[in-house]
Amino acid sequence: MSRKKIMLTCAVTGAGSTTKKHPGVPVTPAQIAAACIEAAKAGASTVHIHVRDPATGEGGRDPAHFREVVARIRESATDVVLNLTCGMGGRLVLDDEDPSIMITGTDMAKPLERMEHVRELLPEICTIDCGSMNFGREVAINRVGDLERMARFAQELGVKPELEVFDYGQVEIARHLIDCGLIDGAPLFQLCLGIAGGTPATTEAMLALRNALPPGAQWGAFGISKSEFPMVAQAAILGGNVRVGLEDNLYLEAGRLASNGELVDKALKILSLLDVTVMTPAETRAALGLTQRH
């Protein structure tokens, strides 16, 4: 009997202030590209890519940085599937005493400005965060009208959206985009668990979100921090794809900082014990109906 196959995404850097906690978090475009190639060689099907400001290490959205990362990956020997974030440009930070005042850290952009790098680089996948929410002590702003514009633009570009949902209500917003005819083919969901302000990383929460998805949807899930590897196992058991990476968790085990390649390797070992194998990039493209573009 053939073994079950799923997709494994590695989210190599994210946008959080993790560089202060782990010196190995990639920051420059060269480092981020190298991390993607490392993850691909370790066995990741897909890499999820943020960029950072090389001067500060903080999350950024400069198309020039995305351009360099993608060029370096495409010039390498790997054919890993590229998934570029569109989550930046919706960050609202308000003064504690007077919430009518936006303070340093706020980064609000027009919907299509948040996708300029996608228009230029045409990855196979781009993310759409399906709703506004508290994100720690900040607020992530993703209005329904903005999401409609972003989904329509991705559709026009022929880039498949990964619909990132952080709570049950965001599943309903994603279903709205589908009902509006803005998502082609089987929708692809990512269930994001454990973020402060969102759904907890528990079996019950993952199952509830999975059961709320529309028929025929393809989905994956991840947990952050110490929940990363338990959620790898849980997602695989429930029939989903999986994600690991330094965006979500910095440690291979208690007290031991990880690399992206090591996180992928540990996920592969867990999946092997569950009699699950990971799709190659070519198999991932076939499963999602994607076309590789170089």
Protein backbone atom coordinates (compact mmCIF):
# COMPACT_ATOMS: atom_id res chain seq x y z
CA MET A 1 0.00 0.00 0.00
CA SER A 2 1.38 3.43 -0.95
CA ARG A 3 2.21 5.85 1.82
CA LYS A 4 0.23 9.05 2.23
CA LYS A 5 1.92 12.14 0.75
CA ILE A 6 1.55 15.72 1.97
CA MET A 7 3.16 19.11 1.38
CA LEU A 8 5.74 20.52 3.78
CA THR A 9 6.27 24.29 3.87
CA CYS A 10 9.24 25.96 5.52
CA ALA A 11 8.65 29.56 6.65
CA VAL A 12 12.24 30.64 6.89
CA THR A 13 12.25 34.04 8.62
CA GLY A 14 8.92 35.83 9.20
CA ALA A 15 8.71 39.45 10.32
CA GLY A 16 8.82 39.20 14.10
CA SER A 17 11.55 40.56 16.36
CA THR A 18 13.21 37.15 16.58
CA THR A 19 16.68 38.23 15.48
CA LYS A 20 17.32 39.37 19.05
CA LYS A 21 16.64 35.84 20.28
CA HIS A 22 18.42 33.83 17.59
CA PRO A 23 21.48 35.07 15.66
CA GLY A 24 20.79 32.52 12.94
CA VAL A 25 17.49 34.03 11.82
CA PRO A 26 18.14 35.12 8.21
CA VAL A 27 17.96 38.87 7.61
CA THR A 28 19.62 39.90 4.35
CA PRO A 29 18.25 38.76 0.99
CA ALA A 30 21.30 36.54 0.53
CA GLN A 31 20.74 34.91 3.93
CA ILE A 32 17.02 34.44 3.31
CA ALA A 33 17.65 32.86 -0.10
CA ALA A 34 20.30 30.58 1.41
CA ALA A 35 17.81 29.53 4.10
CA CYS A 36 15.23 28.70 1.44
CA ILE A 37 17.75 26.61 -0.49
CA GLU A 38 18.80 24.86 2.75
CA ALA A 39 15.17 24.03 3.53
CA ALA A 40 14.58 22.74 0.00
CA LYS A 41 17.64 20.50 0.15
CA ALA A 42 16.42 19.16 3.50
CA GLY A 43 13.14 18.15 1.84
CA ALA A 44 10.69 21.06 1.98
CA SER A 45 8.14 21.17 -0.82
CA THR A 46 7.51 24.90 -0.51
CA VAL A 47 9.21 27.90 1.08
CA HIS A 48 7.21 30.78 2.55
CA ILE A 49 9.15 34.01 2.20
CA HIS A 50 9.19 37.28 4.12
CA VAL A 51 11.97 39.85 3.76
CA ARG A 52 13.58 42.07 6.38
CA ASP A 53 15.28 45.43 6.49
CA PRO A 54 18.97 44.47 6.42
CA ALA A 55 19.86 47.54 8.51
CA THR A 56 17.49 46.84 11.41
CA GLY A 57 16.54 43.18 11.05
CA GLU A 58 12.87 44.10 11.30
CA GLY A 59 10.25 42.84 8.87
CA GLY A 60 9.95 44.73 5.60
CA ARG A 61 8.25 44.66 2.20
CA ASP A 62 10.76 46.28 -0.15
CA PRO A 63 10.21 44.70 -3.61
CA ALA A 64 13.95 44.98 -4.28
CA HIS A 65 14.65 42.61 -1.38
CA PHE A 66 12.06 40.12 -2.63
CA ARG A 67 13.56 40.45 -6.10
CA GLU A 68 17.02 39.47 -4.86
CA VAL A 69 15.76 36.55 -2.77
CA VAL A 70 13.71 35.11 -5.61
CA ALA A 71 16.48 35.61 -8.17
CA ARG A 72 18.98 33.77 -5.98
CA ILE A 73 16.59 30.84 -5.46
CA ARG A 74 15.70 30.60 -9.14
CA GLU A 75 19.37 30.70 -10.10
CA SER A 76 20.09 27.78 -7.76
CA ALA A 77 19.60 24.10 -8.53
CA THR A 78 16.44 23.85 -6.43
CA ASP A 79 12.95 23.85 -7.93
CA VAL A 80 11.20 24.51 -4.59
CA VAL A 81 7.73 26.08 -4.81
CA LEU A 82 7.76 29.80 -3.94
CA ASN A 83 5.15 31.26 -1.57
CA LEU A 84 5.55 35.02 -1.03
CA THR A 85 3.84 36.80 1.85
CA CYS A 86 1.42 39.66 1.27
CA GLY A 87 0.86 40.09 4.99
CA MET A 88 3.00 43.19 5.36
CA GLY A 89 1.41 46.62 4.95
CA GLY A 90 -1.48 46.05 7.32
CA ARG A 91 0.19 46.72 10.67
CA LEU A 92 -1.41 49.23 13.02
CA VAL A 93 0.34 50.29 16.23
CA LEU A 94 -1.53 52.77 18.44
CA ASP A 95 -0.46 54.90 21.38
CA ASP A 96 -1.35 53.24 24.69
CA GLU A 97 -2.76 56.41 26.23
CA ASP A 98 -4.42 57.84 23.11
CA PRO A 99 -5.42 55.16 20.59
CA SER A 100 -6.33 57.84 18.05
CA ILE A 101 -2.58 58.31 17.51
CA MET A 102 -0.62 55.91 15.26
CA ILE A 103 2.93 55.42 16.50
CA THR A 104 6.23 53.99 15.25
CA GLY A 105 5.81 50.53 13.83
CA THR A 106 2.63 51.29 11.92
CA ASP A 107 2.86 50.20 8.30
CA MET A 108 -0.36 50.66 6.33
CA ALA A 109 -0.36 50.35 2.54
CA LYS A 110 -2.88 50.17 -0.29
CA PRO A 111 -4.01 46.59 -1.06
CA LEU A 112 -2.25 46.30 -4.41
CA GLU A 113 0.87 48.01 -3.05
CA ARG A 114 1.12 45.06 -0.67
CA MET A 115 1.29 42.82 -3.77
CA GLU A 116 3.75 44.77 -5.93
CA HIS A 117 6.42 42.08 -5.48
CA VAL A 118 3.91 39.39 -6.50
CA ARG A 119 3.05 41.30 -9.68
CA GLU A 120 6.72 41.58 -10.58
CA LEU A 121 7.99 38.14 -9.55
CA LEU A 122 4.96 35.90 -10.22
CA PRO A 123 5.54 33.19 -7.59
CA GLU A 124 3.35 30.10 -7.65
CA ILE A 125 1.65 31.07 -4.35
CA CYS A 126 1.07 34.24 -2.33
CA THR A 127 -0.58 34.56 1.06
CA ILE A 128 -3.76 36.46 1.87
CA ASP A 129 -4.47 36.99 5.59
CA CYS A 130 -8.24 36.63 5.82
CA GLY A 131 -9.23 39.20 8.44
CA SER A 132 -8.32 41.84 10.97
CA MET A 133 -7.29 40.82 14.48
CA ASN A 134 -5.30 41.64 17.56
CA PHE A 135 -1.78 40.41 16.88
CA GLY A 136 -0.09 40.46 20.22
CA ARG A 137 -0.31 44.13 21.25
CA GLU A 138 -0.61 45.33 17.67
CA VAL A 139 -3.56 45.19 15.28
CA ALA A 140 -3.45 43.49 11.88
CA ILE A 141 -5.79 45.29 9.46
CA ASN A 142 -7.25 43.28 6.59
CA ARG A 143 -10.61 44.74 5.59
CA VAL A 144 -12.95 42.57 3.52
CA GLY A 145 -12.91 45.03 0.62
CA ASP A 146 -9.11 45.04 0.62
CA LEU A 147 -9.06 41.23 0.63
CA GLU A 148 -11.44 41.18 -2.33
CA ARG A 149 -9.09 43.45 -4.27
CA MET A 150 -6.06 41.35 -3.35
CA ALA A 151 -7.76 38.07 -4.27
CA ARG A 152 -8.93 39.52 -7.60
CA PHE A 153 -5.41 40.77 -8.37
CA ALA A 154 -3.87 37.36 -7.56
CA GLN A 155 -6.48 35.78 -9.84
CA GLU A 156 -5.59 38.15 -12.68
CA LEU A 157 -1.89 37.33 -12.22
CA GLY A 158 -2.52 33.59 -12.16
CA VAL A 159 -0.95 33.26 -8.68
CA LYS A 160 -2.66 30.88 -6.25
CA PRO A 161 -3.62 32.47 -2.93
CA GLU A 162 -2.88 30.64 0.29
CA LEU A 163 -5.78 31.73 2.50
CA GLU A 164 -4.28 32.20 5.95
CA VAL A 165 -6.86 31.99 8.73
CA PHE A 166 -6.12 32.75 12.38
CA ASP A 167 -9.61 32.18 13.81
CA TYR A 168 -13.02 30.74 12.94
CA GLY A 169 -14.46 34.01 11.66
CA GLN A 170 -11.63 34.32 9.14
CA VAL A 171 -12.71 31.01 7.59
CA GLU A 172 -16.05 32.68 6.87
CA ILE A 173 -14.32 35.64 5.23
CA ALA A 174 -12.29 33.23 3.09
CA ARG A 175 -15.50 31.46 2.11
CA HIS A 176 -16.88 34.85 1.08
CA LEU A 177 -13.94 35.32 -1.31
CA ILE A 178 -14.63 31.86 -2.74
CA ASP A 179 -18.36 32.57 -3.10
CA CYS A 180 -17.52 35.80 -4.95
CA GLY A 181 -15.64 33.75 -7.57
CA LEU A 182 -12.27 35.26 -6.62
CA ILE A 183 -10.48 31.96 -5.93
CA ASP A 184 -9.83 29.62 -8.86
CA GLY A 185 -9.67 25.85 -8.41
CA ALA A 186 -9.65 24.10 -5.07
CA PRO A 187 -8.98 26.73 -2.37
CA LEU A 188 -5.77 26.38 -0.38
CA PHE A 189 -5.99 27.18 3.34
CA GLN A 190 -3.33 27.59 6.02
CA LEU A 191 -4.60 27.28 9.61
CA CYS A 192 -2.38 29.48 11.79
CA LEU A 193 -2.50 28.40 15.43
CA GLY A 194 -1.09 29.72 18.67
CA ILE A 195 -0.67 33.41 17.78
CA ALA A 196 -1.67 35.73 20.62
CA GLY A 197 -5.10 37.08 19.69
CA GLY A 198 -5.96 34.10 17.48
CA THR A 199 -6.95 30.45 17.74
CA PRO A 200 -4.93 28.35 20.22
CA ALA A 201 -2.71 25.52 19.03
CA THR A 202 -4.87 22.63 20.20
CA THR A 203 -6.34 19.52 18.62
CA GLU A 204 -9.87 20.82 19.23
CA ALA A 205 -9.16 24.16 17.56
CA MET A 206 -7.50 22.61 14.52
CA LEU A 207 -10.37 20.16 14.10
CA ALA A 208 -12.97 22.93 14.38
CA LEU A 209 -11.25 25.01 11.71
CA ARG A 210 -10.73 22.02 9.43
CA ASN A 211 -14.40 21.09 9.73
CA ALA A 212 -15.42 24.64 8.78
CA LEU A 213 -13.56 24.55 5.45
CA PRO A 214 -15.55 24.28 2.23
CA PRO A 215 -15.80 20.87 0.53
CA GLY A 216 -12.79 20.08 -1.62
CA ALA A 217 -10.48 22.58 0.07
CA GLN A 218 -6.81 21.75 0.44
CA TRP A 219 -5.36 22.76 3.76
CA GLY A 220 -2.37 22.82 6.03
CA ALA A 221 -1.76 23.94 9.58
CA PHE A 222 1.01 24.99 11.91
CA GLY A 223 1.58 25.91 15.53
CA ILE A 224 4.13 28.35 16.85
CA SER A 225 6.86 27.98 19.46
CA LYS A 226 6.66 24.74 21.49
CA SER A 227 3.48 23.79 19.62
CA GLU A 228 5.24 23.53 16.27
CA PHE A 229 6.03 19.83 16.27
CA PRO A 230 2.88 18.61 18.06
CA MET A 231 0.89 20.45 15.38
CA VAL A 232 2.98 18.80 12.63
CA ALA A 233 1.78 15.44 13.90
CA GLN A 234 -1.78 16.64 14.47
CA ALA A 235 -2.16 18.17 11.01
CA ALA A 236 -0.84 15.03 9.34
CA ILE A 237 -3.20 12.83 11.35
CA LEU A 238 -6.19 15.01 10.43
CA GLY A 239 -5.33 14.92 6.73
CA GLY A 240 -3.59 18.26 6.29
CA ASN A 241 -0.28 19.59 5.07
CA VAL A 242 2.35 20.87 7.51
CA ARG A 243 4.63 23.85 8.08
CA VAL A 244 7.76 24.49 10.14
CA GLY A 245 10.49 27.12 10.07
CA LEU A 246 12.18 29.88 12.03
CA GLU A 247 9.23 32.20 11.43
CA ASP A 248 7.21 30.01 13.79
CA ASN A 249 9.71 28.46 16.20
CA LEU A 250 13.38 29.02 17.02
CA TYR A 251 14.19 25.76 18.82
CA LEU A 252 14.90 22.21 17.71
CA GLU A 253 14.39 21.10 21.30
CA ALA A 254 14.46 22.76 24.71
CA GLY A 255 17.54 24.99 24.94
CA ARG A 256 18.84 24.21 21.45
CA LEU A 257 18.42 26.80 18.70
CA ALA A 258 17.60 25.41 15.27
CA SER A 259 18.27 26.10 11.63
CA ASN A 260 15.53 25.88 9.04
CA GLY A 261 17.05 22.71 7.62
CA GLU A 262 17.05 21.07 11.04
CA LEU A 263 13.39 21.96 11.57
CA VAL A 264 12.49 20.41 8.21
CA ASP A 265 14.52 17.30 9.02
CA LYS A 266 12.78 16.84 12.38
CA ALA A 267 9.37 17.26 10.76
CA LEU A 268 10.29 14.60 8.20
CA LYS A 269 11.21 12.20 11.00
CA ILE A 270 7.89 12.78 12.76
CA LEU A 271 5.98 12.27 9.52
CA SER A 272 7.91 9.10 8.74
CA LEU A 273 6.83 7.64 12.09
CA LEU A 274 3.24 8.35 11.02
CA ASP A 275 3.85 6.58 7.69
CA VAL A 276 3.58 9.90 5.81
CA THR A 277 5.95 11.13 3.12
CA VAL A 278 6.48 14.62 1.74
CA MET A 279 5.71 15.67 -1.81
CA THR A 280 8.46 16.88 -4.06
CA PRO A 281 8.07 20.38 -5.51
CA ALA A 282 6.92 18.81 -8.80
CA GLU A 283 4.29 16.74 -6.99
CA THR A 284 3.17 19.85 -5.10
CA ARG A 285 2.68 21.76 -8.33
CA ALA A 286 0.67 18.89 -9.76
CA ALA A 287 -1.49 18.63 -6.62
CA LEU A 288 -2.23 22.37 -6.58
CA GLY A 289 -2.41 22.94 -10.30
CA LEU A 290 0.56 25.29 -10.28
CA THR A 291 2.89 26.31 -13.10
CA GLN A 292 6.55 26.88 -12.29
CA ARG A 293 7.81 30.24 -13.55
CA HIS A 294 11.45 31.21 -13.87
